[in-house]
C-alpha atoms as a PDB file:
ATOM      1  CA  MET A   1     115.987  89.606  79.822  1.00  0.00           C
ATOM      2  CA  GLY A   2     112.096  89.627  79.103  1.00  0.00           C
ATOM      3  CA  MET A   3     112.041  86.353  79.039  1.00  0.00           C
ATOM      4  CA  MET A   4     114.332  86.057  82.785  1.00  0.00           C
ATOM      5  CA  GLY A   5     112.374  88.386  84.040  1.00  0.00           C
ATOM      6  CA  THR A   6     108.748  85.801  82.984  1.00  0.00           C
ATOM      7  CA  ASN A   7     110.120  83.122  84.761  1.00  0.00           C
ATOM      8  CA  ARG A   8     110.875  84.655  87.466  1.00  0.00           C
ATOM      9  CA  ARG A   9     107.540  85.717  87.908  1.00  0.00           C
ATOM     10  CA  ARG A  10     105.951  82.779  87.102  1.00  0.00           C
ATOM     11  CA  PRO A  11     108.501  80.007  88.775  1.00  0.00           C
ATOM     12  CA  TRP A  12     105.743  77.613  87.595  1.00  0.00           C
ATOM     13  CA  LYS A  13     105.161  77.458  83.988  1.00  0.00           C
ATOM     14  CA  GLY A  14     108.597  75.497  83.164  1.00  0.00           C
ATOM     15  CA  ALA A  15     107.308  72.762  85.460  1.00  0.00           C
ATOM     16  CA  LEU A  16     103.807  73.066  84.167  1.00  0.00           C
ATOM     17  CA  ILE A  17     105.273  72.773  80.260  1.00  0.00           C
ATOM     18  CA  PHE A  18     107.533  69.833  81.502  1.00  0.00           C
ATOM     19  CA  SER A  19     104.742  68.194  82.904  1.00  0.00           C
ATOM     20  CA  GLY A  20     102.746  68.942  79.253  1.00  0.00           C
ATOM     21  CA  LEU A  21     105.713  67.436  77.325  1.00  0.00           C
ATOM     22  CA  VAL A  22     105.954  64.431  79.588  1.00  0.00           C
ATOM     23  CA  LEU A  23     102.388  63.753  78.491  1.00  0.00           C
ATOM     24  CA  LEU A  24     102.756  64.477  75.082  1.00  0.00           C
ATOM     25  CA  ALA A  25     105.398  61.659  74.797  1.00  0.00           C
ATOM     26  CA  ALA A  26     102.707  59.332  76.517  1.00  0.00           C
ATOM     27  CA  ILE A  27     100.263  59.846  74.356  1.00  0.00           C
ATOM     28  CA  SER A  28     102.393  59.727  71.413  1.00  0.00           C
ATOM     29  CA  VAL A  29     103.338  55.852  72.082  1.00  0.00           C
ATOM     30  CA  MET A  30      99.732  54.991  72.378  1.00  0.00           C
ATOM     31  CA  VAL A  31      99.110  56.360  69.233  1.00  0.00           C
ATOM     32  CA  PHE A  32     101.940  55.258  67.155  1.00  0.00           C
ATOM     33  CA  VAL A  33     102.490  52.178  68.740  1.00  0.00           C
ATOM     34  CA  PRO A  34      98.871  50.657  69.288  1.00  0.00           C
ATOM     35  CA  THR A  35      98.591  47.928  71.626  1.00  0.00           C
ATOM     36  CA  GLU A  36      95.225  45.956  72.265  1.00  0.00           C
ATOM     37  CA  ARG A  37      95.464  47.049  75.979  1.00  0.00           C
ATOM     38  CA  VAL A  38      94.521  50.869  75.067  1.00  0.00           C
ATOM     39  CA  LEU A  39      91.912  51.354  77.963  1.00  0.00           C
ATOM     40  CA  LEU A  40      94.810  50.093  80.658  1.00  0.00           C
ATOM     41  CA  GLU A  41      96.998  52.226  78.681  1.00  0.00           C
ATOM     42  CA  VAL A  42      94.613  55.133  79.442  1.00  0.00           C
ATOM     43  CA  GLY A  43      93.787  54.223  83.130  1.00  0.00           C
ATOM     44  CA  ALA A  44      97.219  53.793  83.994  1.00  0.00           C
ATOM     45  CA  LEU A  45      98.148  56.972  82.371  1.00  0.00           C
ATOM     46  CA  THR A  46      95.474  58.849  84.253  1.00  0.00           C
ATOM     47  CA  ALA A  47      95.758  57.316  87.535  1.00  0.00           C
ATOM     48  CA  GLY A  48      99.532  57.916  87.879  1.00  0.00           C
ATOM     49  CA  PHE A  49      98.774  61.780  86.629  1.00  0.00           C
ATOM     50  CA  LEU A  50      96.853  62.291  89.214  1.00  0.00           C
ATOM     51  CA  ALA A  51      98.810  59.864  91.948  1.00  0.00           C
ATOM     52  CA  GLY A  52     101.758  62.016  91.130  1.00  0.00           C
ATOM     53  CA  ALA A  53     100.043  65.147  91.206  1.00  0.00           C
ATOM     54  CA  GLY A  54      98.277  64.976  94.817  1.00  0.00           C
ATOM     55  CA  LEU A  55     101.141  63.680  96.362  1.00  0.00           C
ATOM     56  CA  VAL A  56     103.818  65.999  95.326  1.00  0.00           C
ATOM     57  CA  ARG A  57     101.091  68.957  96.107  1.00  0.00           C
ATOM     58  CA  PHE A  58     100.219  68.032  99.364  1.00  0.00           C
ATOM     59  CA  GLY A  59     102.649  65.531 100.508  1.00  0.00           C
ATOM     60  CA  VAL A  60     102.267  62.745 102.741  1.00  0.00           C
ATOM     61  CA  PRO A  61     101.289  63.074 106.499  1.00  0.00           C
ATOM     62  CA  ARG A  62     103.936  60.875 107.885  1.00  0.00           C
ATOM     63  CA  ARG A  63     107.564  60.661 106.373  1.00  0.00           C
ATOM     64  CA  TRP A  64     107.734  56.668 106.678  1.00  0.00           C
ATOM     65  CA  MET A  65     104.665  56.686 104.074  1.00  0.00           C
ATOM     66  CA  GLY A  66     107.006  58.298 101.293  1.00  0.00           C
ATOM     67  CA  SER A  67     108.722  54.647 101.218  1.00  0.00           C
ATOM     68  CA  VAL A  68     105.236  52.954 101.215  1.00  0.00           C
ATOM     69  CA  VAL A  69     104.471  55.123  98.519  1.00  0.00           C
ATOM     70  CA  LEU A  70     107.458  54.229  96.576  1.00  0.00           C
ATOM     71  CA  VAL A  71     107.054  50.543  96.758  1.00  0.00           C
ATOM     72  CA  LEU A  72     103.214  50.974  95.785  1.00  0.00           C
ATOM     73  CA  PHE A  73     104.107  52.893  92.658  1.00  0.00           C
ATOM     74  CA  ILE A  74     107.571  50.199  91.298  1.00  0.00           C
ATOM     75  CA  ALA A  75     104.934  47.322  92.284  1.00  0.00           C
ATOM     76  CA  VAL A  76     102.141  49.127  90.374  1.00  0.00           C
ATOM     77  CA  TRP A  77     104.796  49.620  87.326  1.00  0.00           C
ATOM     78  CA  PHE A  78     105.784  45.816  86.901  1.00  0.00           C
ATOM     79  CA  ALA A  79     102.469  44.481  87.396  1.00  0.00           C
ATOM     80  CA  LEU A  80     101.352  46.517  84.644  1.00  0.00           C
ATOM     81  CA  GLY A  81     103.343  44.906  82.292  1.00  0.00           C
ATOM     82  CA  THR A  82     103.618  46.481  78.482  1.00  0.00           C
ATOM     83  CA  ALA A  83     101.268  49.206  79.868  1.00  0.00           C
ATOM     84  CA  GLY A  84     103.824  50.168  82.776  1.00  0.00           C
ATOM     85  CA  TYR A  85     105.084  52.764  80.605  1.00  0.00           C
ATOM     86  CA  ALA A  86     101.565  54.932  80.427  1.00  0.00           C
ATOM     87  CA  TRP A  87     102.002  54.667  84.890  1.00  0.00           C
ATOM     88  CA  PHE A  88     105.341  55.986  84.431  1.00  0.00           C
ATOM     89  CA  GLY A  89     104.478  58.691  82.356  1.00  0.00           C
ATOM     90  CA  GLY A  90     101.335  59.546  83.782  1.00  0.00           C
ATOM     91  CA  PHE A  91     103.148  59.580  87.656  1.00  0.00           C
ATOM     92  CA  LEU A  92     105.618  61.986  86.518  1.00  0.00           C
ATOM     93  CA  ALA A  93     103.994  64.737  84.348  1.00  0.00           C
ATOM     94  CA  GLY A  94     101.315  64.534  87.253  1.00  0.00           C
ATOM     95  CA  ALA A  95     104.725  65.290  89.480  1.00  0.00           C
ATOM     96  CA  SER A  96     105.585  68.272  87.624  1.00  0.00           C
ATOM     97  CA  ALA A  97     102.036  69.725  87.613  1.00  0.00           C
ATOM     98  CA  GLY A  98     101.674  69.291  91.039  1.00  0.00           C
ATOM     99  CA  VAL A  99     105.196  71.283  91.419  1.00  0.00           C
ATOM    100  CA  ALA A 100     103.645  73.791  89.127  1.00  0.00           C
ATOM    101  CA  TRP A 101     100.464  74.024  91.543  1.00  0.00           C
ATOM    102  CA  GLY A 102     102.497  74.794  94.254  1.00  0.00           C
ATOM    103  CA  ARG A 103     104.466  76.974  93.218  1.00  0.00           C
ATOM    104  CA  ALA A 104     101.366  78.831  91.348  1.00  0.00           C
ATOM    105  CA  VAL A 105      99.419  79.393  94.597  1.00  0.00           C
ATOM    106  CA  ALA A 106     102.207  80.006  96.584  1.00  0.00           C
ATOM    107  CA  ASN A 107     103.183  82.685  94.011  1.00  0.00           C
ATOM    108  CA  ARG A 108      99.464  83.905  93.500  1.00  0.00           C
ATOM    109  CA  THR A 109      98.992  87.537  93.989  1.00  0.00           C
ATOM    110  CA  VAL A 110      98.024  88.992  96.849  1.00  0.00           C
ATOM    111  CA  ARG A 111      95.463  91.278  96.537  1.00  0.00           C
ATOM    112  CA  PRO A 112      95.961  95.043  98.008  1.00  0.00           C
ATOM    113  CA  ALA A 113      94.229  95.904 101.324  1.00  0.00           C
ATOM    114  CA  ALA A 114      91.222  97.804 100.908  1.00  0.00           C
ATOM    115  CA  PRO A 115      91.818 101.389 100.957  1.00  0.00           C
ATOM    116  CA  TRP A 116      88.656 102.586 102.537  1.00  0.00           C
ATOM    117  CA  MET A 117      87.758 101.159 106.366  1.00  0.00           C
ATOM    118  CA  VAL A 118      84.922 102.001 108.133  1.00  0.00           C
ATOM    119  CA  ASN A 119      84.124 101.128 111.748  1.00  0.00           C
ATOM    120  CA  GLY A 120      87.564  98.594 111.338  1.00  0.00           C
ATOM    121  CA  GLN A 121      85.351  97.082 107.774  1.00  0.00           C
ATOM    122  CA  GLY A 122      87.205  97.286 104.489  1.00  0.00           C
ATOM    123  CA  LEU A 123      85.448  98.564 101.759  1.00  0.00           C
ATOM    124  CA  ALA A 124      87.317  98.893  97.976  1.00  0.00           C
ATOM    125  CA  SER A 125      85.478 101.968  96.564  1.00  0.00           C
ATOM    126  CA  VAL A 126      84.291 105.118  98.008  1.00  0.00           C
ATOM    127  CA  ALA A 127      81.194 104.844  96.751  1.00  0.00           C
ATOM    128  CA  ASP A 128      80.851 101.867  99.520  1.00  0.00           C
ATOM    129  CA  ALA A 129      82.844 103.801 102.054  1.00  0.00           C
ATOM    130  CA  ARG A 130      80.116 106.324 101.644  1.00  0.00           C
ATOM    131  CA  SER A 131      76.690 104.213 102.135  1.00  0.00           C
ATOM    132  CA  ALA A 132      78.813 102.693 105.616  1.00  0.00           C
ATOM    133  CA  ALA A 133      80.072 105.565 106.832  1.00  0.00           C
ATOM    134  CA  LEU A 134      76.350 107.619 106.474  1.00  0.00           C
ATOM    135  CA  ALA A 135      74.778 104.554 107.716  1.00  0.00           C
ATOM    136  CA  ALA A 136      77.154 103.941 110.537  1.00  0.00           C
ATOM    137  CA  LEU A 137      76.424 108.037 111.285  1.00  0.00           C
ATOM    138  CA  ARG A 138      73.128 107.868 111.185  1.00  0.00           C
ATOM    139  CA  SER A 139      72.735 104.903 113.822  1.00  0.00           C
ATOM    140  CA  LEU A 140      74.919 106.538 116.507  1.00  0.00           C
ATOM    141  CA  ASP A 141      72.913 106.822 119.443  1.00  0.00           C
ATOM    142  CA  GLY A 142      75.453 107.870 122.307  1.00  0.00           C
ATOM    143  CA  LYS A 143      75.457 104.543 124.010  1.00  0.00           C
ATOM    144  CA  SER A 144      75.498 101.311 121.941  1.00  0.00           C
ATOM    145  CA  HIS A 145      76.723 102.944 119.055  1.00  0.00           C
ATOM    146  CA  GLY A 146      78.639 106.281 120.053  1.00  0.00           C
ATOM    147  CA  ARG A 147      81.827 106.378 117.669  1.00  0.00           C
ATOM    148  CA  LEU A 148      82.708 106.242 113.992  1.00  0.00           C
ATOM    149  CA  ALA A 149      85.994 106.299 112.354  1.00  0.00           C
ATOM    150  CA  VAL A 150      86.781 106.175 108.298  1.00  0.00           C
ATOM    151  CA  GLU A 151      90.263 105.846 107.620  1.00  0.00           C
ATOM    152  CA  TYR A 152      92.078 105.995 104.093  1.00  0.00           C
ATOM    153  CA  GLY A 153      95.400 105.603 104.030  1.00  0.00           C
ATOM    154  CA  SER A 154      96.678 107.751 106.932  1.00  0.00           C
ATOM    155  CA  ALA A 155      93.757 109.909 106.648  1.00  0.00           C
ATOM    156  CA  ARG A 156      91.098 109.481 109.452  1.00  0.00           C
ATOM    157  CA  PHE A 157      87.567 111.503 110.340  1.00  0.00           C
ATOM    158  CA  GLU A 158      86.459 110.565 113.809  1.00  0.00           C
ATOM    159  CA  VAL A 159      83.014 111.280 115.103  1.00  0.00           C
ATOM    160  CA  ALA A 160      81.641 110.877 118.799  1.00  0.00           C
ATOM    161  CA  GLY A 161      78.368 111.641 120.251  1.00  0.00           C
ATOM    162  CA  GLY A 162      74.929 110.657 118.723  1.00  0.00           C
ATOM    163  CA  VAL A 163      71.897 111.930 116.456  1.00  0.00           C
ATOM    164  CA  GLY A 164      69.880 113.499 119.486  1.00  0.00           C
ATOM    165  CA  GLY A 165      72.885 114.333 121.586  1.00  0.00           C
ATOM    166  CA  GLY A 166      74.661 115.786 119.431  1.00  0.00           C
ATOM    167  CA  MET A 167      78.228 115.282 118.238  1.00  0.00           C
ATOM    168  CA  VAL A 168      81.815 116.378 117.775  1.00  0.00           C
ATOM    169  CA  CYS A 169      84.092 115.696 114.479  1.00  0.00           C
ATOM    170  CA  HIS A 170      87.571 115.273 114.075  1.00  0.00           C
ATOM    171  CA  ARG A 171      89.689 115.088 110.612  1.00  0.00           C
ATOM    172  CA  ASN A 172      93.555 114.528 110.229  1.00  0.00           C
ATOM    173  CA  ALA A 173      95.224 114.328 107.099  1.00  0.00           C
ATOM    174  CA  ASP A 174      98.047 112.218 108.510  1.00  0.00           C
ATOM    175  CA  ALA A 175      97.127 110.352 111.995  1.00  0.00           C
ATOM    176  CA  THR A 176     101.034 109.772 112.476  1.00  0.00           C
ATOM    177  CA  ASP A 177     101.307 113.606 113.293  1.00  0.00           C
ATOM    178  CA  GLU A 178      99.337 113.762 116.485  1.00  0.00           C
ATOM    179  CA  GLY A 179      99.596 117.441 116.602  1.00  0.00           C
ATOM    180  CA  SER A 180      97.798 117.943 113.350  1.00  0.00           C
ATOM    181  CA  TRP A 181      94.108 116.924 114.244  1.00  0.00           C
ATOM    182  CA  ALA A 182      91.307 119.320 113.633  1.00  0.00           C
ATOM    183  CA  VAL A 183      88.096 120.034 114.989  1.00  0.00           C
ATOM    184  CA  LEU A 184      84.982 121.162 113.537  1.00  0.00           C
ATOM    185  CA  ALA A 185      83.373 124.266 115.364  1.00  0.00           C
ATOM    186  CA  ARG A 186      80.966 127.045 114.604  1.00  0.00           C
ATOM    187  CA  SER A 187      81.227 130.668 114.783  1.00  0.00           C
ATOM    188  CA  GLU A 188      78.249 132.532 115.092  1.00  0.00           C
ATOM    189  CA  GLY A 189      75.118 131.687 117.391  1.00  0.00           C
ATOM    190  CA  VAL A 190      76.475 129.785 120.071  1.00  0.00           C
ATOM    191  CA  ALA A 191      76.487 130.055 123.294  1.00  0.00           C
ATOM    192  CA  ASP A 192      79.890 130.036 125.709  1.00  0.00           C
ATOM    193  CA  GLU A 193      78.926 126.982 127.587  1.00  0.00           C
ATOM    194  CA  SER A 194      79.615 123.320 127.794  1.00  0.00           C
ATOM    195  CA  VAL A 195      77.268 120.559 126.729  1.00  0.00           C
ATOM    196  CA  GLU A 196      76.937 117.240 128.077  1.00  0.00           C
ATOM    197  CA  VAL A 197      77.644 114.493 124.844  1.00  0.00           C
ATOM    198  CA  PRO A 198      77.118 110.732 125.830  1.00  0.00           C
ATOM    199  CA  MET A 199      80.126 108.945 123.926  1.00  0.00           C
ATOM    200  CA  GLY A 200      79.565 105.234 124.136  1.00  0.00           C
ATOM    201  CA  ALA A 201      80.889 103.833 127.395  1.00  0.00           C
ATOM    202  CA  GLY A 202      80.741 107.734 128.976  1.00  0.00           C
ATOM    203  CA  SER A 203      79.927 111.521 128.170  1.00  0.00           C
ATOM    204  CA  GLY A 204      82.015 114.192 127.605  1.00  0.00           C
ATOM    205  CA  TYR A 205      81.335 117.988 128.126  1.00  0.00           C
ATOM    206  CA  MET A 206      81.956 119.532 124.972  1.00  0.00           C
ATOM    207  CA  PRO A 207      82.136 123.442 124.302  1.00  0.00           C
ATOM    208  CA  ALA A 208      78.519 124.436 122.403  1.00  0.00           C
ATOM    209  CA  HIS A 209      79.979 125.510 119.533  1.00  0.00           C
ATOM    210  CA  LEU A 210      81.910 121.775 118.821  1.00  0.00           C
ATOM    211  CA  VAL A 211      78.926 120.579 119.249  1.00  0.00           C
ATOM    212  CA  HIS A 212      76.836 119.296 115.463  1.00  0.00           C
ATOM    213  CA  ASP A 213      73.549 118.220 114.419  1.00  0.00           C
ATOM    214  CA  VAL A 214      73.816 115.244 111.983  1.00  0.00           C
ATOM    215  CA  THR A 215      73.611 117.175 108.788  1.00  0.00           C
ATOM    216  CA  SER A 216      76.508 119.531 109.059  1.00  0.00           C
ATOM    217  CA  VAL A 217      78.182 116.592 110.090  1.00  0.00           C
ATOM    218  CA  GLU A 218      77.203 114.602 106.876  1.00  0.00           C
ATOM    219  CA  ILE A 219      78.556 117.768 105.083  1.00  0.00           C
ATOM    220  CA  ALA A 220      81.751 117.168 107.081  1.00  0.00           C
ATOM    221  CA  LEU A 221      81.734 113.717 106.350  1.00  0.00           C
ATOM    222  CA  GLU A 222      81.049 113.993 102.814  1.00  0.00           C
ATOM    223  CA  GLU A 223      83.967 116.575 102.340  1.00  0.00           C
ATOM    224  CA  PHE A 224      86.121 114.306 103.850  1.00  0.00           C
ATOM    225  CA  LEU A 225      85.117 111.467 101.207  1.00  0.00           C
ATOM    226  CA  LYS A 226      85.772 113.832  98.250  1.00  0.00           C
ATOM    227  CA  ASN A 227      89.381 114.671  98.886  1.00  0.00           C
ATOM    228  CA  PRO A 228      90.571 112.560 102.131  1.00  0.00           C
ATOM    229  CA  GLU A 229      94.555 112.947 101.993  1.00  0.00           C
ATOM    230  CA  SER A 230      93.728 117.055 101.869  1.00  0.00           C
ATOM    231  CA  SER A 231      95.542 118.987 104.624  1.00  0.00           C
ATOM    232  CA  SER A 232      93.489 122.043 104.226  1.00  0.00           C
ATOM    233  CA  PHE A 233      90.083 121.147 105.726  1.00  0.00           C
ATOM    234  CA  GLY A 234      88.459 124.441 104.942  1.00  0.00           C
ATOM    235  CA  PRO A 235      86.723 127.397 107.060  1.00  0.00           C
ATOM    236  CA  GLY A 236      85.020 125.651 110.270  1.00  0.00           C
ATOM    237  CA  TRP A 237      87.392 123.566 110.896  1.00  0.00           C
ATOM    238  CA  VAL A 238      90.146 124.547 114.377  1.00  0.00           C
ATOM    239  CA  THR A 239      93.249 123.059 114.934  1.00  0.00           C
ATOM    240  CA  GLY A 240      95.869 123.213 118.134  1.00  0.00           C
ATOM    241  CA  ASN A 241      95.088 122.452 121.696  1.00  0.00           C
ATOM    242  CA  GLU A 242      91.028 122.705 121.337  1.00  0.00           C
ATOM    243  CA  ALA A 243      91.505 120.068 118.717  1.00  0.00           C
ATOM    244  CA  GLU A 244      93.463 117.881 120.339  1.00  0.00           C
ATOM    245  CA  GLY A 245      92.156 118.047 124.002  1.00  0.00           C
ATOM    246  CA  THR A 246      88.569 117.008 122.549  1.00  0.00           C
ATOM    247  CA  ARG A 247      89.214 114.129 120.776  1.00  0.00           C
ATOM    248  CA  LEU A 248      88.473 111.310 122.491  1.00  0.00           C
ATOM    249  CA  THR A 249      91.030 108.475 122.033  1.00  0.00           C
ATOM    250  CA  THR A 250      89.613 105.743 124.549  1.00  0.00           C
END
C-alpha cells in the first residue's frame, strides 16, 4: 500500500526509471561490445536522448510534423548502420524522460497562498505583514492613500483616513459575517460632535469618539497582528449599528 501511494504522488518516477534502464542497456552494449565507432555511438545516443526528450515534452506545433519526425527518425536510424542502436536507445530513453518531465511539472506541489494580505499584497510571515502594514498606515494621507486593509484568512483590519486628519479603524474576525464588525472607540474626554475625515475619493463625518491618531491605531494594529482570528477584541471596540454604519465599503 505504501508503494502504491508513493507512485500516485510521483507518477513520473516509473517513466524516469524506465528511461534510466534503457540508457543503461545502451551503454552496456557500448562497453561490452566495443567497436571502432565509439564516438559516433556516443553522439548518436546523446542526440537521440535530447531529441526524444524535447519532442515528447514539448510536442510539435503542427500535427503533420509528427509524420516528418517519424520519417527522419527512421532515416537517421538506418543511416547510422551498426550505430543505429545507440540512436534508437537514446531516443527511447529520452522520450521516457520527456514523459517523466511533463508529469513532474504537472504534479509539482502548488505553493500555498500567502497567509497575510496588506492592501492586496500577499505576504508569507507576520513580520513581513507588520512591516508592510505599518508603512502603509503611516503613509495614509486621506487622499491618494486613504485606506489600509490587512487580511488573515477571514479576519480583517481596516483603516480609513489620514495621519493628519484622523483615522477610523474597524476589525472583524470573520468578514463573511457582516454583522460582526467592530469599530475602535474612545470613551473619555471626547466632545459629542462629528468630525470630517478625508477617506480617499471622498470624506465622511464621523463621531469624534471614533476618530483616532496614528499611535492609537498602531496599537490596535499590533493587537490584530498578534491574534487576528480572536473574536474577543477587548475594551475600546464597539459592535452593532455604529460599527456597521461607519465602515466605508466603497
